[in-house]
Amino acid sequence: METDESLYRAYLHGCDDALIELLRRHREGMMIFIYEIVGNMDDAENLMMDSFAVLLSREKAFSGRSSFKTWLFSIGRNKAVSFLRRQHCHEEKYADLFTDSAGMSADFTVLKEEQSRELITAMNSLKKEYRSALYLTYFEEMTIEETGRVMKKTKKQVSDLIYNAKKSLRDTLEKEGFSYENT
């Protein structure tokens, strides 16, 4: 399987199928990550597409100082933060990643059904930064360094966030009657 970096280079040399593959690989994960920031699935989808438009326009070149995925998710985060600034929103208005609301989109409902209800409830009780750190590290399989670049945190800060998030998640799940030895 080709790496993201090699696909991006192939796209830059005229292979449009390489960009389609990058979109296929990262569309869903990026949309969920952006949704966590903006709290609206339609806006998240638009911002995800805007992030990929950066690749199309070549307005910002990938330097290779991080992984391609880290760079792409950073673009998505920056687009989401800029969007919120334009909307005059503040951090306390950010929506939860796992919200149980009647207005949820069909795509998000399918995703939610794939996760265990217990985990979703426990994740919902975590602080936003804890959820972001866990999501990027475990669901998107980013390294601590990559997660730090996306979240604009140091490696130590991300490690602390993950440690505290796992502890909080374990405590919440244990209160519900679950026992997790290695979280």
Protein backbone atom coordinates (compact mmCIF):
# COMPACT_ATOMS: atom_id res chain seq x y z
CA MET A 1 0.00 0.00 0.00
CA GLU A 2 1.32 3.41 -0.92
CA THR A 3 2.04 5.94 1.78
CA ASP A 4 0.12 9.20 2.02
CA GLU A 5 3.30 11.06 1.18
CA SER A 6 3.90 9.06 -2.01
CA LEU A 7 0.27 9.52 -3.05
CA TYR A 8 0.57 13.27 -2.54
CA ARG A 9 3.75 13.38 -4.64
CA ALA A 10 1.97 11.34 -7.34
CA TYR A 11 -0.91 13.84 -7.28
CA LEU A 12 1.53 16.73 -7.65
CA HIS A 13 2.92 14.98 -10.73
CA GLY A 14 -0.53 14.76 -12.35
CA CYS A 15 -2.15 11.59 -10.95
CA ASP A 16 -5.65 12.68 -9.90
CA ASP A 17 -6.42 9.15 -8.67
CA ALA A 18 -3.85 9.69 -5.92
CA LEU A 19 -5.86 12.61 -4.55
CA ILE A 20 -9.02 10.51 -4.67
CA GLU A 21 -7.25 7.82 -2.61
CA LEU A 22 -6.11 10.40 -0.05
CA LEU A 23 -9.67 11.68 0.21
CA ARG A 24 -10.98 8.14 0.64
CA ARG A 25 -8.45 7.44 3.40
CA HIS A 26 -8.94 10.58 5.44
CA ARG A 27 -12.37 12.01 4.67
CA GLU A 28 -14.34 10.34 7.46
CA GLY A 29 -11.76 10.73 10.21
CA MET A 30 -11.14 14.36 9.37
CA MET A 31 -14.86 15.11 9.23
CA ILE A 32 -15.39 13.64 12.70
CA PHE A 33 -12.40 15.54 14.06
CA ILE A 34 -13.66 18.83 12.60
CA TYR A 35 -17.18 18.06 13.85
CA GLU A 36 -15.76 17.91 17.35
CA ILE A 37 -14.56 21.49 16.94
CA VAL A 38 -17.49 23.09 15.10
CA GLY A 39 -20.41 21.00 16.40
CA ASN A 40 -22.30 20.77 13.11
CA MET A 41 -21.93 17.88 10.67
CA ASP A 42 -22.77 19.96 7.58
CA ASP A 43 -20.16 22.58 8.52
CA ALA A 44 -17.66 19.81 9.31
CA GLU A 45 -18.19 18.26 5.88
CA ASN A 46 -17.74 21.63 4.16
CA LEU A 47 -14.60 22.40 6.16
CA MET A 48 -13.20 18.94 5.42
CA MET A 49 -13.70 19.62 1.72
CA ASP A 50 -12.11 23.07 2.13
CA SER A 51 -9.11 21.34 3.68
CA PHE A 52 -8.77 19.07 0.68
CA ALA A 53 -9.20 22.10 -1.58
CA VAL A 54 -5.92 23.36 -0.12
CA LEU A 55 -4.31 20.31 -1.73
CA LEU A 56 -6.03 21.05 -5.04
CA SER A 57 -5.00 24.69 -5.04
CA ARG A 58 -1.47 23.88 -3.91
CA GLU A 59 -1.65 27.10 -1.86
CA LYS A 60 0.21 25.42 0.99
CA ALA A 61 2.99 22.95 0.24
CA PHE A 62 3.63 19.83 2.30
CA SER A 63 7.15 20.21 3.69
CA GLY A 64 7.66 16.73 5.14
CA ARG A 65 8.43 18.02 8.65
CA SER A 66 5.56 15.87 9.93
CA SER A 67 3.51 13.06 8.47
CA PHE A 68 1.13 13.95 5.68
CA LYS A 69 -1.83 13.00 7.89
CA THR A 70 -0.67 15.34 10.66
CA TRP A 71 -0.26 18.16 8.15
CA LEU A 72 -3.70 17.50 6.64
CA PHE A 73 -5.44 17.35 10.04
CA SER A 74 -3.67 20.57 11.04
CA ILE A 75 -5.13 22.24 7.96
CA GLY A 76 -8.54 20.93 8.99
CA ARG A 77 -8.12 22.22 12.54
CA ASN A 78 -7.02 25.64 11.29
CA LYS A 79 -10.00 25.81 8.90
CA ALA A 80 -12.37 24.91 11.77
CA VAL A 81 -10.88 27.48 14.15
CA SER A 82 -11.04 30.18 11.46
CA PHE A 83 -14.65 29.23 10.76
CA LEU A 84 -15.53 29.58 14.44
CA ARG A 85 -13.80 32.93 14.63
CA ARG A 86 -15.88 34.11 11.70
CA GLN A 87 -19.00 32.81 13.42
CA HIS A 88 -18.01 34.60 16.66
CA CYS A 89 -18.14 31.35 18.59
CA HIS A 90 -16.15 30.67 21.73
CA GLU A 91 -14.56 27.49 23.00
CA GLU A 92 -17.33 26.83 25.53
CA LYS A 93 -19.77 26.57 22.62
CA TYR A 94 -17.85 23.72 20.95
CA ALA A 95 -20.10 20.71 20.58
CA ASP A 96 -19.26 17.34 22.07
CA LEU A 97 -17.89 14.67 19.75
CA PHE A 98 -20.49 12.14 20.86
CA THR A 99 -23.74 14.03 21.28
CA ASP A 100 -26.98 12.16 21.70
CA SER A 101 -29.43 14.49 19.99
CA ALA A 102 -32.48 14.03 17.82
CA GLY A 103 -31.02 16.24 15.07
CA MET A 104 -28.03 14.00 14.42
CA SER A 105 -27.22 13.29 10.76
CA ALA A 106 -27.59 9.79 9.32
CA ASP A 107 -23.82 9.46 8.77
CA PHE A 108 -23.10 10.27 12.39
CA THR A 109 -25.86 7.92 13.59
CA VAL A 110 -24.26 5.04 11.68
CA LEU A 111 -20.89 5.86 13.19
CA LYS A 112 -22.40 6.07 16.66
CA GLU A 113 -24.09 2.70 16.28
CA GLU A 114 -20.72 1.11 15.50
CA GLN A 115 -19.40 2.16 18.90
CA SER A 116 -20.54 0.61 22.17
CA ARG A 117 -23.08 2.73 24.01
CA GLU A 118 -21.10 2.45 27.23
CA LEU A 119 -17.97 3.88 25.65
CA ILE A 120 -19.89 6.71 24.02
CA THR A 121 -21.50 7.66 27.31
CA ALA A 122 -18.14 7.56 29.06
CA MET A 123 -16.41 9.52 26.26
CA ASN A 124 -19.17 12.13 26.43
CA SER A 125 -18.35 12.78 30.05
CA LEU A 126 -14.71 13.62 29.27
CA LYS A 127 -13.33 17.11 28.77
CA LYS A 128 -13.05 18.21 25.12
CA GLU A 129 -9.24 18.11 25.18
CA TYR A 130 -9.28 14.59 26.59
CA ARG A 131 -11.61 13.43 23.82
CA SER A 132 -9.46 15.08 21.14
CA ALA A 133 -6.27 13.51 22.45
CA LEU A 134 -7.84 10.05 22.67
CA TYR A 135 -9.54 10.36 19.28
CA LEU A 136 -6.41 11.40 17.40
CA THR A 137 -4.19 8.88 19.16
CA TYR A 138 -6.42 5.82 19.13
CA PHE A 139 -8.99 6.29 16.38
CA GLU A 140 -6.73 8.11 13.91
CA GLU A 141 -3.63 6.22 15.12
CA MET A 142 -1.47 9.32 15.33
CA THR A 143 1.68 9.34 17.43
CA ILE A 144 1.87 11.55 20.50
CA GLU A 145 4.07 13.95 18.52
CA GLU A 146 1.57 14.12 15.66
CA THR A 147 -1.33 14.60 18.06
CA GLY A 148 0.63 17.41 19.69
CA ARG A 149 1.18 19.14 16.37
CA VAL A 150 -2.52 18.97 15.53
CA MET A 151 -3.63 20.11 18.99
CA LYS A 152 -0.77 22.63 19.28
CA LYS A 153 0.48 20.98 22.48
CA THR A 154 3.86 19.67 23.58
CA LYS A 155 4.58 15.95 23.73
CA LYS A 156 4.43 16.14 27.55
CA GLN A 157 1.08 17.95 27.47
CA VAL A 158 -0.40 15.34 25.12
CA SER A 159 0.99 12.50 27.25
CA ASP A 160 -0.58 14.08 30.33
CA LEU A 161 -3.89 14.58 28.51
CA ILE A 162 -3.95 10.95 27.40
CA TYR A 163 -3.01 9.68 30.85
CA ASN A 164 -5.69 11.78 32.54
CA ALA A 165 -8.27 10.96 29.86
CA LYS A 166 -7.68 7.23 30.23
CA LYS A 167 -7.88 7.50 34.01
CA SER A 168 -11.10 9.49 33.81
CA LEU A 169 -12.54 7.11 31.23
CA ARG A 170 -11.61 4.09 33.35
CA ASP A 171 -13.17 5.66 36.47
CA THR A 172 -16.37 6.44 34.58
CA LEU A 173 -16.60 2.94 33.12
CA GLU A 174 -15.89 1.32 36.49
CA LYS A 175 -18.74 3.34 38.04
CA GLU A 176 -20.96 1.76 35.39
CA GLY A 177 -19.79 -1.72 36.45
CA PHE A 178 -17.02 -2.32 33.92
CA SER A 179 -13.48 -3.32 34.84
CA TYR A 180 -10.61 -2.33 32.56
CA GLU A 181 -7.14 -3.40 33.65
CA ASN A 182 -5.05 -1.81 30.86
CA THR A 183 -6.56 1.53 29.94
